[in-house]
Amino acid sequence: MVTPDQIKHYIEAGLQCDFTEVAGDGHHFEAVVVSPLFRGKSKVQQHQLVYRALGDRMREEIHALSMRTLTPEEWGK
């Protein structure tokens, strides 16, 4: 079973992040991801970047992930 720490590591390994926090129970996860790469992108595009960082794990290991994506400027407010 995948852990929140593993998901955090996967995201940070595949995406430039200023801050990442993942919580969950092994089946359902919630993530907060702050990245400068989100600047100028829609929420859908931001989520796609996170999904791309997670790759095939979204189909194989992670069954439910809700996320809040923010630019560093949004996070600082």
C-alpha atoms as a PDB file:
ATOM      1  CA  MET A   1       0.000   0.000   0.000  1.00  0.00           C
ATOM      2  CA  VAL A   2       1.315   3.434  -0.948  1.00  0.00           C
ATOM      3  CA  THR A   3       1.857   6.017   1.803  1.00  0.00           C
ATOM      4  CA  PRO A   4       1.407   9.797   1.798  1.00  0.00           C
ATOM      5  CA  ASP A   5       5.192  10.196   2.115  1.00  0.00           C
ATOM      6  CA  GLN A   6       5.738   8.092  -1.000  1.00  0.00           C
ATOM      7  CA  ILE A   7       3.263  10.172  -2.997  1.00  0.00           C
ATOM      8  CA  LYS A   8       4.970  13.343  -1.777  1.00  0.00           C
ATOM      9  CA  HIS A   9       8.311  11.944  -2.927  1.00  0.00           C
ATOM     10  CA  TYR A  10       6.886  10.976  -6.349  1.00  0.00           C
ATOM     11  CA  ILE A  11       5.459  14.475  -6.885  1.00  0.00           C
ATOM     12  CA  GLU A  12       8.655  16.218  -5.791  1.00  0.00           C
ATOM     13  CA  ALA A  13      10.805  13.944  -7.959  1.00  0.00           C
ATOM     14  CA  GLY A  14       8.792  14.779 -11.068  1.00  0.00           C
ATOM     15  CA  LEU A  15       7.838  18.417 -10.533  1.00  0.00           C
ATOM     16  CA  GLN A  16       9.633  21.521  -9.277  1.00  0.00           C
ATOM     17  CA  CYS A  17       7.868  22.254  -5.975  1.00  0.00           C
ATOM     18  CA  ASP A  18       8.252  24.981  -3.381  1.00  0.00           C
ATOM     19  CA  PHE A  19       5.973  23.117  -0.973  1.00  0.00           C
ATOM     20  CA  THR A  20       4.248  19.736  -0.993  1.00  0.00           C
ATOM     21  CA  GLU A  21       2.021  18.161   1.624  1.00  0.00           C
ATOM     22  CA  VAL A  22       0.170  14.874   1.256  1.00  0.00           C
ATOM     23  CA  ALA A  23      -2.212  13.243   3.720  1.00  0.00           C
ATOM     24  CA  GLY A  24      -4.296  10.115   3.408  1.00  0.00           C
ATOM     25  CA  ASP A  25      -5.298   6.707   4.669  1.00  0.00           C
ATOM     26  CA  GLY A  26      -3.706   4.493   2.032  1.00  0.00           C
ATOM     27  CA  HIS A  27      -6.721   4.635  -0.273  1.00  0.00           C
ATOM     28  CA  HIS A  28      -7.776   8.273  -0.439  1.00  0.00           C
ATOM     29  CA  PHE A  29      -5.234  11.093  -0.498  1.00  0.00           C
ATOM     30  CA  GLU A  30      -5.231  14.874  -0.385  1.00  0.00           C
ATOM     31  CA  ALA A  31      -2.321  16.946  -1.616  1.00  0.00           C
ATOM     32  CA  VAL A  32      -1.302  20.593  -1.519  1.00  0.00           C
ATOM     33  CA  VAL A  33       1.282  21.375  -4.184  1.00  0.00           C
ATOM     34  CA  VAL A  34       2.939  24.769  -4.668  1.00  0.00           C
ATOM     35  CA  SER A  35       5.006  25.188  -7.823  1.00  0.00           C
ATOM     36  CA  PRO A  36       6.283  28.091  -9.917  1.00  0.00           C
ATOM     37  CA  LEU A  37       5.474  25.940 -12.957  1.00  0.00           C
ATOM     38  CA  PHE A  38       1.775  26.579 -12.266  1.00  0.00           C
ATOM     39  CA  ARG A  39       2.078  30.261 -13.175  1.00  0.00           C
ATOM     40  CA  GLY A  40      -0.183  31.162 -16.098  1.00  0.00           C
ATOM     41  CA  LYS A  41      -1.813  27.717 -16.199  1.00  0.00           C
ATOM     42  CA  SER A  42      -5.429  26.797 -15.529  1.00  0.00           C
ATOM     43  CA  LYS A  43      -6.271  24.509 -12.597  1.00  0.00           C
ATOM     44  CA  VAL A  44      -6.797  21.658 -15.067  1.00  0.00           C
ATOM     45  CA  GLN A  45      -3.324  22.232 -16.545  1.00  0.00           C
ATOM     46  CA  GLN A  46      -1.814  22.428 -13.048  1.00  0.00           C
ATOM     47  CA  HIS A  47      -3.424  19.127 -12.075  1.00  0.00           C
ATOM     48  CA  GLN A  48      -2.191  17.569 -15.316  1.00  0.00           C
ATOM     49  CA  LEU A  49       1.374  18.506 -14.341  1.00  0.00           C
ATOM     50  CA  VAL A  50       0.944  16.713 -11.013  1.00  0.00           C
ATOM     51  CA  TYR A  51      -0.621  13.679 -12.712  1.00  0.00           C
ATOM     52  CA  ARG A  52       2.281  13.626 -15.174  1.00  0.00           C
ATOM     53  CA  ALA A  53       4.735  13.625 -12.244  1.00  0.00           C
ATOM     54  CA  LEU A  54       2.888  10.648 -10.735  1.00  0.00           C
ATOM     55  CA  GLY A  55       2.769   8.810 -14.076  1.00  0.00           C
ATOM     56  CA  ASP A  56       1.395   5.264 -14.108  1.00  0.00           C
ATOM     57  CA  ARG A  57       1.143   5.280 -10.329  1.00  0.00           C
ATOM     58  CA  MET A  58      -2.210   7.060 -10.708  1.00  0.00           C
ATOM     59  CA  ARG A  59      -3.625   3.929 -12.335  1.00  0.00           C
ATOM     60  CA  GLU A  60      -1.726   1.296 -10.403  1.00  0.00           C
ATOM     61  CA  GLU A  61      -1.084   2.518  -6.838  1.00  0.00           C
ATOM     62  CA  ILE A  62      -3.115   5.677  -6.192  1.00  0.00           C
ATOM     63  CA  HIS A  63      -6.859   5.251  -6.395  1.00  0.00           C
ATOM     64  CA  ALA A  64      -8.121   8.639  -5.245  1.00  0.00           C
ATOM     65  CA  LEU A  65      -6.223  11.910  -5.062  1.00  0.00           C
ATOM     66  CA  SER A  66      -7.721  15.326  -4.501  1.00  0.00           C
ATOM     67  CA  MET A  67      -5.362  18.232  -4.783  1.00  0.00           C
ATOM     68  CA  ARG A  68      -5.030  21.914  -4.211  1.00  0.00           C
ATOM     69  CA  THR A  69      -2.492  23.464  -6.575  1.00  0.00           C
ATOM     70  CA  LEU A  70      -1.094  26.961  -6.059  1.00  0.00           C
ATOM     71  CA  THR A  71       1.568  29.244  -7.439  1.00  0.00           C
ATOM     72  CA  PRO A  72       4.085  30.570  -4.889  1.00  0.00           C
ATOM     73  CA  GLU A  73       2.289  33.936  -5.026  1.00  0.00           C
ATOM     74  CA  GLU A  74      -1.093  32.352  -4.243  1.00  0.00           C
ATOM     75  CA  TRP A  75       0.479  30.335  -1.416  1.00  0.00           C
ATOM     76  CA  GLY A  76       1.995  33.472   0.109  1.00  0.00           C
ATOM     77  CA  LYS A  77      -1.354  35.235   0.470  1.00  0.00           C
END
